[in-house]
Protein backbone atom coordinates (compact mmCIF):
# COMPACT_ATOMS: atom_id res chain seq x y z
CA MET A 1 -30.77 -76.41 -17.64
CA MET A 2 -33.76 -77.73 -19.55
CA PRO A 3 -33.52 -81.20 -21.10
CA PHE A 4 -32.79 -81.37 -24.82
CA GLY A 5 -35.96 -80.71 -26.81
CA ALA A 6 -37.86 -79.25 -23.83
CA THR A 7 -39.78 -76.04 -24.31
CA LEU A 8 -40.39 -73.32 -21.75
CA THR A 9 -44.11 -72.55 -21.58
CA PRO A 10 -45.64 -69.23 -20.52
CA THR A 11 -47.15 -70.93 -17.44
CA GLN A 12 -43.78 -72.37 -16.36
CA ALA A 13 -41.97 -69.07 -16.87
CA ARG A 14 -44.54 -67.03 -14.90
CA ALA A 15 -44.61 -69.64 -12.12
CA ALA A 16 -40.81 -69.51 -11.82
CA ALA A 17 -40.79 -65.70 -11.72
CA THR A 18 -43.41 -65.66 -8.98
CA ALA A 19 -41.72 -68.44 -7.00
CA TYR A 20 -38.40 -66.61 -7.03
CA GLY A 21 -39.92 -63.37 -5.74
CA TRP A 22 -40.29 -61.32 -8.91
CA SER A 23 -43.19 -58.90 -9.43
CA VAL A 24 -44.90 -59.93 -12.67
CA LEU A 25 -47.09 -57.94 -15.07
CA PRO A 26 -48.74 -59.69 -18.05
CA HIS A 27 -47.67 -59.17 -21.65
CA ASP A 28 -49.04 -60.50 -24.97
CA ASN A 29 -49.38 -64.26 -25.61
CA GLY A 30 -48.57 -65.26 -22.03
CA GLY A 31 -45.34 -63.30 -21.83
CA PHE A 32 -44.56 -60.94 -18.98
CA PHE A 33 -42.57 -58.04 -17.61
CA ALA A 34 -40.90 -58.88 -14.30
CA GLN A 35 -38.95 -56.87 -11.76
CA CYS A 36 -36.99 -57.87 -8.68
CA GLY A 37 -35.04 -55.08 -7.01
CA GLN A 38 -32.93 -53.35 -9.65
CA TRP A 39 -33.31 -56.23 -12.14
CA ARG A 40 -35.92 -56.22 -14.94
CA MET A 41 -36.82 -58.99 -17.35
CA ILE A 42 -39.10 -59.19 -20.36
CA VAL A 43 -40.11 -62.63 -21.63
CA THR A 44 -42.18 -62.97 -24.81
CA PHE A 45 -43.92 -65.90 -26.47
CA ALA A 46 -45.36 -66.39 -29.96
CA GLU A 47 -49.10 -66.83 -30.53
CA ASP A 48 -48.70 -70.61 -30.43
CA GLY A 49 -47.11 -70.36 -26.95
CA SER A 50 -43.56 -71.07 -28.10
CA PHE A 51 -40.70 -69.06 -26.59
CA ARG A 52 -39.79 -65.99 -28.62
CA HIS A 53 -37.35 -63.76 -26.68
CA ALA A 54 -36.15 -62.80 -23.23
CA SER A 55 -33.99 -59.92 -22.11
CA MET A 56 -32.70 -58.82 -18.73
CA LYS A 57 -31.45 -55.45 -17.53
CA GLU A 58 -29.88 -54.12 -14.34
CA GLY A 59 -31.15 -50.66 -13.40
CA HIS A 60 -31.57 -47.93 -16.00
CA ASP A 61 -28.06 -47.84 -17.47
CA GLY A 62 -26.56 -51.11 -16.27
CA PHE A 63 -25.88 -54.57 -17.61
CA GLU A 64 -28.28 -55.75 -20.34
CA ALA A 65 -28.43 -59.13 -22.07
CA SER A 66 -30.61 -61.31 -24.27
CA LEU A 67 -31.32 -64.70 -22.74
CA MET A 68 -31.63 -68.11 -24.32
CA GLU A 69 -34.74 -70.10 -23.53
CA SER A 70 -32.75 -72.51 -21.36
CA SER A 71 -31.34 -69.72 -19.16
CA VAL A 72 -34.56 -67.84 -18.29
CA VAL A 73 -35.47 -69.84 -15.17
CA GLY A 74 -31.84 -69.90 -13.98
CA MET A 75 -31.57 -66.11 -14.19
CA LEU A 76 -34.90 -65.71 -12.40
CA ALA A 77 -33.51 -67.91 -9.62
CA MET A 78 -30.11 -66.23 -9.50
CA ARG A 79 -31.43 -62.67 -9.28
CA GLY A 80 -34.62 -63.45 -7.34
CA THR A 81 -35.29 -62.91 -3.65
CA ALA A 82 -37.00 -66.16 -2.68
CA PRO A 83 -35.66 -67.63 0.54
CA GLU A 84 -33.25 -70.51 0.35
CA ARG A 85 -34.51 -74.02 0.94
CA PRO A 86 -34.38 -74.91 4.65
CA VAL A 87 -31.55 -77.30 5.48
CA SER A 88 -32.26 -80.08 7.94
CA SER A 89 -29.89 -80.75 10.84
CA GLU A 90 -29.11 -84.11 9.24
CA GLU A 91 -27.93 -82.39 6.04
CA LYS A 92 -25.81 -79.92 8.05
CA THR A 93 -23.80 -82.73 9.62
CA ARG A 94 -22.90 -84.46 6.34
């Protein structure tokens, strides 16, 4: 979750989508369309770069939801395909 008062920027949102394995196509004002498997997301920003809206949809007729600014990166991570962080042998034995 983002700290109180923090703002998601277009650069941060696109970087997160790419890092979590989403295919990204540009949209107005730094926003984007993203797809990962059956999941699709649209993130839009106002002309001044402030977050405007995000929505996510599963398939053509599946689950659909509007997302709050603070949940965009979390949903990209949860539904993305990026590999998990490698775990060291030291961490495995804890």
